[in-house]
């Protein structure tokens, strides 16, 4: 997979103890990479990172601490960095706006500066969010050239992280000077809402549902009409890895911003998603409680991923139903037997991608 580019490469992950980061660490280990990480302690209990039990160098640290981050980076001498560490919850950003801004903006700047001073680094993928766009509630998908913005502190911080990334690329990793004064390619990745086993984050739909069913109570659905680009966590990760492959190969045209989201059928309302999950695990029960005084959250958000589909090329391997089924099945196994099926999910996903002949599955 990915031209075997990651085998024996030194790969540095920030945020590897989180939901998405732990899945990426698992996949990179499967690819034969020498994976190391820098993150806060696992943010939840249970923790997907703890459950998968990876044996990898791991520094407990905050990306707001630039000195400690730089020391960790230089010690590991990575070829490529995937920056996922962030405060990732919209509703939490209303309660803790300064922490959100510091983690997502200053943390990104600290990472880019640390990478600039680390001679081994050849490629950097900065992971932001589809929330980085100025949301106009329009029915078509946002493209990478659309205006950045953010109503809430989280969304604004991700827009700022994108602007910072572009600034560092233009100022310090300029493509005109690649191969002359520097050898680093920098890209950013904007993914839609991810689902999958092992997420226990607060104020997230799937974790809220699974906690409720485990406690035999109804889950409260706040905004059933909100539409989001739902996809299994492995989908954008395959995009990040495909993008990293291009950067490591020195293909500087890929040092840019990229959207990774589902096909049209993956754009579902919250209510539709909950009903689909309930068909897989009938024990799930829910009630709708809309609070007119609740903090603002976008009602309609879609991504246009034509750029990735046409030029990487990258497309989803699983349908929306596959994503929902594997997510619900993972949690059902965990809560009914205490076992996890992360490795099984990864194997199934790779098989589906190979059956479709997706580009990243080929040597």
Protein backbone atom coordinates (compact mmCIF):
# COMPACT_ATOMS: atom_id res chain seq x y z
CA UNK A 1 0.00 0.00 0.00
CA UNK A 2 1.02 3.59 -0.71
CA UNK A 3 3.92 2.29 -2.79
CA UNK A 4 5.39 0.82 0.43
CA UNK A 5 6.65 4.36 1.13
CA UNK A 6 6.12 4.14 4.90
CA UNK A 7 8.07 0.96 5.58
CA UNK A 8 10.98 1.78 7.91
CA UNK A 9 10.25 5.51 7.66
CA UNK A 10 10.32 7.54 10.87
CA UNK A 11 6.82 8.96 11.28
CA UNK A 12 5.94 11.47 14.00
CA UNK A 13 2.32 11.90 15.07
CA UNK A 14 0.93 14.61 17.27
CA UNK A 15 -2.36 13.74 18.94
CA UNK A 16 -1.79 9.99 18.62
CA UNK A 17 -3.66 9.26 21.87
CA UNK A 18 -6.89 10.71 20.47
CA UNK A 19 -9.54 8.95 18.41
CA UNK A 20 -8.31 9.71 14.89
CA UNK A 21 -4.63 9.73 15.89
CA UNK A 22 -4.81 6.27 17.48
CA UNK A 23 -6.30 4.78 14.31
CA UNK A 24 -3.56 6.42 12.24
CA UNK A 25 -0.88 5.05 14.60
CA UNK A 26 -2.39 1.57 14.21
CA UNK A 27 -2.38 1.78 10.42
CA UNK A 28 1.16 3.17 10.21
CA UNK A 29 2.39 0.34 12.43
CA UNK A 30 0.66 -2.08 10.07
CA UNK A 31 2.55 -0.42 7.18
CA UNK A 32 5.90 -1.08 8.86
CA UNK A 33 6.64 2.52 9.85
CA UNK A 34 8.71 3.51 12.88
CA UNK A 35 5.95 5.46 14.61
CA UNK A 36 6.46 7.87 17.49
CA UNK A 37 4.01 10.22 19.10
CA UNK A 38 3.57 13.42 21.06
CA UNK A 39 0.28 14.08 22.80
CA UNK A 40 -1.54 14.66 26.04
CA UNK A 41 -2.51 11.60 28.05
CA UNK A 42 -5.46 9.71 26.53
CA UNK A 43 -8.38 12.13 26.79
CA UNK A 44 -11.03 9.55 27.68
CA UNK A 45 -11.60 6.39 29.65
CA UNK A 46 -11.96 3.98 27.92
CA UNK A 47 -9.27 4.99 25.43
CA UNK A 48 -8.86 3.53 21.95
CA UNK A 49 -5.12 4.15 22.10
CA UNK A 50 -4.84 2.18 25.34
CA UNK A 51 -7.06 -0.62 24.01
CA UNK A 52 -5.03 -1.24 20.85
CA UNK A 53 -1.85 -1.53 22.95
CA UNK A 54 0.72 -0.23 20.48
CA UNK A 55 4.35 -0.44 21.53
CA UNK A 56 5.70 2.90 20.29
CA UNK A 57 7.80 5.77 21.65
CA UNK A 58 5.37 8.27 23.11
CA UNK A 59 6.01 11.63 24.78
CA UNK A 60 3.28 13.07 26.97
CA UNK A 61 3.24 16.75 26.18
CA UNK A 62 1.19 19.74 25.08
CA UNK A 63 1.64 21.27 21.62
CA UNK A 64 1.41 24.67 23.31
CA UNK A 65 4.79 23.84 24.85
CA UNK A 66 7.00 24.54 21.86
CA UNK A 67 10.29 23.71 23.58
CA UNK A 68 9.25 20.22 24.69
CA UNK A 69 7.67 19.55 21.30
CA UNK A 70 10.87 20.55 19.49
CA UNK A 71 13.00 18.33 21.74
CA UNK A 72 10.72 15.33 21.08
CA UNK A 73 10.74 15.95 17.35
CA UNK A 74 14.51 16.24 17.10
CA UNK A 75 14.99 13.10 19.17
CA UNK A 76 12.86 11.00 16.81
CA UNK A 77 14.30 12.48 13.57
CA UNK A 78 11.13 11.93 11.52
CA UNK A 79 10.91 11.81 7.75
CA UNK A 80 7.26 12.90 7.88
CA UNK A 81 4.96 14.51 10.44
CA UNK A 82 1.20 14.13 10.74
CA UNK A 83 -0.13 16.91 12.98
CA UNK A 84 -3.47 15.89 14.52
CA UNK A 85 -3.20 17.31 18.06
CA UNK A 86 -6.05 19.75 18.68
CA UNK A 87 -9.00 20.75 20.80
CA UNK A 88 -11.56 19.19 18.49
CA UNK A 89 -15.02 19.83 19.99
CA UNK A 90 -17.20 22.74 18.84
CA UNK A 91 -19.30 22.99 22.02
CA UNK A 92 -16.21 22.83 24.23
CA UNK A 93 -14.76 25.77 22.31
CA UNK A 94 -17.61 27.93 23.61
CA UNK A 95 -16.70 26.97 27.18
CA UNK A 96 -12.92 27.17 26.69
CA UNK A 97 -12.26 29.56 23.79
CA UNK A 98 -8.73 30.60 24.82
CA UNK A 99 -7.60 27.00 25.32
CA UNK A 100 -9.05 26.13 21.91
CA UNK A 101 -7.30 29.02 20.22
CA UNK A 102 -3.98 28.28 21.94
CA UNK A 103 -4.06 24.55 21.13
CA UNK A 104 -5.19 24.85 17.55
CA UNK A 105 -3.36 27.99 16.43
CA UNK A 106 -0.28 28.29 18.63
CA UNK A 107 0.08 24.51 18.65
CA UNK A 108 0.18 24.45 14.85
CA UNK A 109 2.72 27.28 14.75
CA UNK A 110 4.89 25.48 17.33
CA UNK A 111 4.81 22.31 15.24
CA UNK A 112 5.75 24.11 12.04
CA UNK A 113 8.60 25.95 13.78
CA UNK A 114 9.89 22.74 15.37
CA UNK A 115 9.79 21.04 11.98
CA UNK A 116 11.64 23.95 10.38
CA UNK A 117 14.52 23.39 12.79
CA UNK A 118 14.59 19.59 12.36
CA UNK A 119 16.89 18.55 9.47
CA UNK A 120 15.36 15.10 8.96
CA UNK A 121 11.84 16.35 8.09
CA UNK A 122 10.83 16.01 4.44
CA UNK A 123 7.05 16.19 4.60
CA UNK A 124 4.34 17.62 6.88
CA UNK A 125 0.58 17.00 6.79
CA UNK A 126 -1.38 19.44 8.95
CA UNK A 127 -4.85 18.09 9.76
CA UNK A 128 -7.52 20.74 10.29
CA UNK A 129 -11.27 20.37 9.67
CA UNK A 130 -14.13 20.93 7.26
CA UNK A 131 -15.30 23.52 9.82
CA UNK A 132 -12.54 25.86 8.57
CA UNK A 133 -14.81 27.22 5.84
CA UNK A 134 -17.03 30.26 6.24
CA UNK A 135 -20.32 28.39 6.47
CA UNK A 136 -23.04 29.97 4.38
CA UNK A 137 -25.49 27.06 4.81
CA UNK A 138 -25.53 26.47 1.08
CA UNK A 139 -26.49 23.06 -0.39
CA UNK A 140 -23.32 22.41 -2.39
CA UNK A 141 -19.94 21.34 -1.10
CA UNK A 142 -17.14 23.68 -0.10
CA UNK A 143 -14.04 23.60 -2.28
CA UNK A 144 -10.46 24.21 -1.17
CA UNK A 145 -10.53 27.65 -2.82
CA UNK A 146 -13.61 28.81 -0.87
CA UNK A 147 -13.34 31.44 1.83
CA UNK A 148 -12.14 30.39 5.27
CA UNK A 149 -14.00 31.52 8.36
CA UNK A 150 -15.63 30.37 11.56
CA UNK A 151 -18.66 31.34 13.64
CA UNK A 152 -17.58 29.47 16.78
CA UNK A 153 -14.08 29.56 18.32
CA UNK A 154 -13.28 26.01 17.17
CA UNK A 155 -14.10 26.70 13.52
CA UNK A 156 -12.27 30.02 13.61
CA UNK A 157 -9.20 28.36 15.12
CA UNK A 158 -9.13 25.79 12.32
CA UNK A 159 -9.40 28.52 9.69
CA UNK A 160 -6.47 30.26 11.39
CA UNK A 161 -4.48 27.02 11.41
CA UNK A 162 -5.00 26.79 7.65
CA UNK A 163 -3.86 30.39 7.15
CA UNK A 164 -0.79 29.75 9.31
CA UNK A 165 0.06 26.62 7.35
CA UNK A 166 -0.15 28.50 4.07
CA UNK A 167 1.94 31.33 5.53
CA UNK A 168 4.72 29.00 6.73
CA UNK A 169 4.69 27.23 3.37
CA UNK A 170 5.01 30.53 1.49
CA UNK A 171 7.51 32.06 3.90
CA UNK A 172 9.77 29.17 4.87
CA UNK A 173 8.92 26.16 2.67
CA UNK A 174 8.24 27.99 -0.57
CA UNK A 175 7.74 25.66 -3.52
CA UNK A 176 9.98 27.79 -5.73
CA UNK A 177 12.88 27.03 -3.40
CA UNK A 178 12.15 23.33 -2.93
CA UNK A 179 15.28 21.32 -3.61
CA UNK A 180 17.42 24.45 -3.42
CA UNK A 181 17.27 26.07 0.02
CA UNK A 182 14.98 23.50 1.69
CA UNK A 183 13.61 20.00 1.18
CA UNK A 184 10.24 20.12 2.96
CA UNK A 185 6.75 19.87 1.44
CA UNK A 186 3.75 20.97 3.54
CA UNK A 187 0.09 20.14 2.92
CA UNK A 188 -3.13 20.52 4.90
CA UNK A 189 -6.10 18.16 5.09
CA UNK A 190 -9.72 19.08 5.80
CA UNK A 191 -11.92 16.12 6.65
CA UNK A 192 -15.62 15.76 7.26
CA UNK A 193 -17.23 14.32 10.37
CA UNK A 194 -15.60 10.99 11.22
CA UNK A 195 -17.21 8.02 12.92
CA UNK A 196 -15.78 4.67 13.97
CA UNK A 197 -15.09 2.49 16.95
CA UNK A 198 -13.11 3.79 19.89
CA UNK A 199 -14.37 7.36 20.09
CA UNK A 200 -15.55 8.36 23.55
CA UNK A 201 -15.20 12.13 23.19
CA UNK A 202 -17.69 14.37 24.96
CA UNK A 203 -20.38 16.18 22.94
CA UNK A 204 -20.00 13.89 19.93
CA UNK A 205 -22.99 12.12 18.45
CA UNK A 206 -21.73 8.53 18.17
CA UNK A 207 -20.01 8.44 21.60
CA UNK A 208 -23.12 9.98 23.18
CA UNK A 209 -25.27 7.26 21.60
CA UNK A 210 -22.96 4.44 22.66
CA UNK A 211 -22.61 5.68 26.24
CA UNK A 212 -26.38 5.89 26.50
CA UNK A 213 -27.03 2.40 25.18
CA UNK A 214 -24.35 0.97 27.47
CA UNK A 215 -26.20 2.55 30.41
CA UNK A 216 -29.65 1.46 29.14
CA UNK A 217 -30.91 5.03 28.80
CA UNK A 218 -32.13 7.24 25.99
CA UNK A 219 -29.67 9.44 24.19
CA UNK A 220 -30.68 13.07 23.75
CA UNK A 221 -30.47 14.31 20.14
CA UNK A 222 -29.97 18.08 20.04
CA UNK A 223 -30.10 18.93 16.35
CA UNK A 224 -31.73 16.16 14.28
CA UNK A 225 -31.94 18.20 11.05
CA UNK A 226 -28.25 19.18 10.93
CA UNK A 227 -26.56 17.69 7.86
CA UNK A 228 -22.92 16.60 7.99
CA UNK A 229 -20.47 14.70 5.72
CA UNK A 230 -20.25 11.47 7.74
CA UNK A 231 -17.44 9.01 6.95
CA UNK A 232 -15.60 6.21 8.71
CA UNK A 233 -12.36 7.36 10.31
CA UNK A 234 -10.30 5.13 7.99
CA UNK A 235 -11.49 7.10 4.94
CA UNK A 236 -9.72 10.41 5.63
CA UNK A 237 -6.74 8.51 7.06
CA UNK A 238 -6.28 6.79 3.70
CA UNK A 239 -6.35 10.28 2.19
CA UNK A 240 -3.74 11.61 4.63
CA UNK A 241 -1.49 8.64 3.91
CA UNK A 242 -1.91 9.01 0.14
CA UNK A 243 -1.09 12.70 0.46
CA UNK A 244 1.95 11.93 2.61
CA UNK A 245 3.14 9.47 -0.03
CA UNK A 246 3.08 12.19 -2.69
CA UNK A 247 5.00 14.59 -0.45
CA UNK A 248 7.64 12.01 0.44
CA UNK A 249 8.01 11.29 -3.26
CA UNK A 250 8.88 14.97 -3.76
CA UNK A 251 5.80 15.80 -5.84
CA UNK A 252 5.53 19.45 -4.89
CA UNK A 253 2.23 20.05 -6.69
CA UNK A 254 0.58 18.18 -3.81
CA UNK A 255 1.84 20.67 -1.19
CA UNK A 256 -1.57 22.33 -0.92
CA UNK A 257 -4.92 22.12 0.90
CA UNK A 258 -7.14 19.04 0.40
CA UNK A 259 -10.69 18.01 1.27
CA UNK A 260 -11.47 14.42 2.27
CA UNK A 261 -15.13 13.57 2.61
CA UNK A 262 -17.77 10.97 1.69
CA UNK A 263 -19.75 10.49 -1.48
CA UNK A 264 -23.10 12.27 -1.65
CA UNK A 265 -24.91 9.42 0.12
CA UNK A 266 -22.68 10.01 3.16
CA UNK A 267 -24.15 13.48 3.67
CA UNK A 268 -26.89 12.69 6.18
CA UNK A 269 -28.91 14.52 8.77
CA UNK A 270 -28.24 13.64 12.39
CA UNK A 271 -31.72 12.13 12.65
CA UNK A 272 -31.19 9.88 9.63
CA UNK A 273 -27.84 8.71 10.98
CA UNK A 274 -29.34 7.79 14.35
CA UNK A 275 -32.16 5.85 12.70
CA UNK A 276 -29.69 3.90 10.54
CA UNK A 277 -27.59 2.99 13.59
CA UNK A 278 -30.71 1.82 15.42
CA UNK A 279 -31.48 -0.68 12.64
CA UNK A 280 -28.10 -2.31 13.36
CA UNK A 281 -28.35 -2.20 17.16
CA UNK A 282 -32.08 -2.06 18.07
CA UNK A 283 -31.27 -1.57 21.76
CA UNK A 284 -30.46 2.07 20.96
CA UNK A 285 -33.17 4.48 22.08
CA UNK A 286 -33.30 8.24 21.72
CA UNK A 287 -35.36 11.37 22.25
CA UNK A 288 -35.16 14.76 20.60
CA UNK A 289 -34.64 17.78 22.85
CA UNK A 290 -33.88 20.96 20.95
CA UNK A 291 -32.69 23.83 23.10
CA UNK A 292 -33.23 27.24 21.47
CA UNK A 293 -30.64 28.70 23.86
CA UNK A 294 -27.92 26.20 22.86
CA UNK A 295 -24.70 27.51 21.29
CA UNK A 296 -24.80 27.95 17.52
CA UNK A 297 -23.76 25.00 15.38
CA UNK A 298 -23.88 24.85 11.59
CA UNK A 299 -27.06 23.39 10.14
CA UNK A 300 -25.77 22.33 6.73
CA UNK A 301 -22.20 21.43 5.80
CA UNK A 302 -21.02 19.59 2.69
CA UNK A 303 -17.58 19.03 1.18
CA UNK A 304 -16.57 18.96 -2.47
CA UNK A 305 -13.72 16.45 -2.77
CA UNK A 306 -13.34 16.60 -6.55
CA UNK A 307 -9.73 17.75 -6.27
CA UNK A 308 -8.69 14.67 -4.27
CA UNK A 309 -10.73 12.32 -6.43
CA UNK A 310 -9.29 13.63 -9.69
CA UNK A 311 -5.66 14.29 -8.83
CA UNK A 312 -4.42 12.11 -5.94
CA UNK A 313 -6.54 10.11 -6.93
CA UNK A 314 -8.50 9.24 -3.80
CA UNK A 315 -12.05 7.96 -3.31
CA UNK A 316 -13.87 6.38 -0.36
CA UNK A 317 -13.63 2.61 -0.07
CA UNK A 318 -16.75 2.13 2.03
CA UNK A 319 -20.34 3.21 1.47
CA UNK A 320 -22.15 5.19 4.12
CA UNK A 321 -23.90 2.01 5.22
CA UNK A 322 -20.52 0.25 5.54
CA UNK A 323 -19.25 3.09 7.72
CA UNK A 324 -22.29 3.00 9.98
CA UNK A 325 -22.35 -0.81 10.16
CA UNK A 326 -18.69 -1.15 11.09
CA UNK A 327 -18.98 1.63 13.67
CA UNK A 328 -22.05 0.20 15.38
CA UNK A 329 -20.60 -3.32 15.20
CA UNK A 330 -17.35 -2.21 16.87
CA UNK A 331 -19.18 -0.70 19.84
CA UNK A 332 -21.63 -3.56 20.11
CA UNK A 333 -18.74 -6.05 20.33
CA UNK A 334 -16.98 -3.90 22.91
CA UNK A 335 -19.98 -3.42 25.17
CA UNK A 336 -21.30 -6.98 24.85
CA UNK A 337 -18.01 -8.92 25.03
CA UNK A 338 -15.29 -6.48 26.11
CA UNK A 339 -13.37 -7.13 22.87
CA UNK A 340 -12.39 -4.70 20.12
CA UNK A 341 -12.20 -5.24 16.37
CA UNK A 342 -9.97 -2.38 15.24
CA UNK A 343 -7.54 -4.67 13.42
CA UNK A 344 -10.49 -6.46 11.83
CA UNK A 345 -12.03 -3.16 10.70
CA UNK A 346 -8.71 -2.10 9.17
CA UNK A 347 -8.33 -5.42 7.33
CA UNK A 348 -11.91 -5.20 6.01
CA UNK A 349 -11.37 -1.64 4.87
CA UNK A 350 -8.15 -2.50 3.03
CA UNK A 351 -9.85 -5.46 1.34
CA UNK A 352 -12.72 -3.24 0.19
CA UNK A 353 -10.23 -0.72 -1.20
CA UNK A 354 -8.30 -3.45 -3.02
CA UNK A 355 -11.51 -4.93 -4.43
CA UNK A 356 -12.29 -1.46 -5.85
CA UNK A 357 -8.76 -1.12 -7.21
CA UNK A 358 -8.14 2.17 -5.41
CA UNK A 359 -4.85 3.82 -6.33
CA UNK A 360 -3.26 3.69 -2.87
CA UNK A 361 -3.60 -0.11 -2.68
CA UNK A 362 -1.15 -0.57 -5.54
CA UNK A 363 2.64 -0.65 -5.40
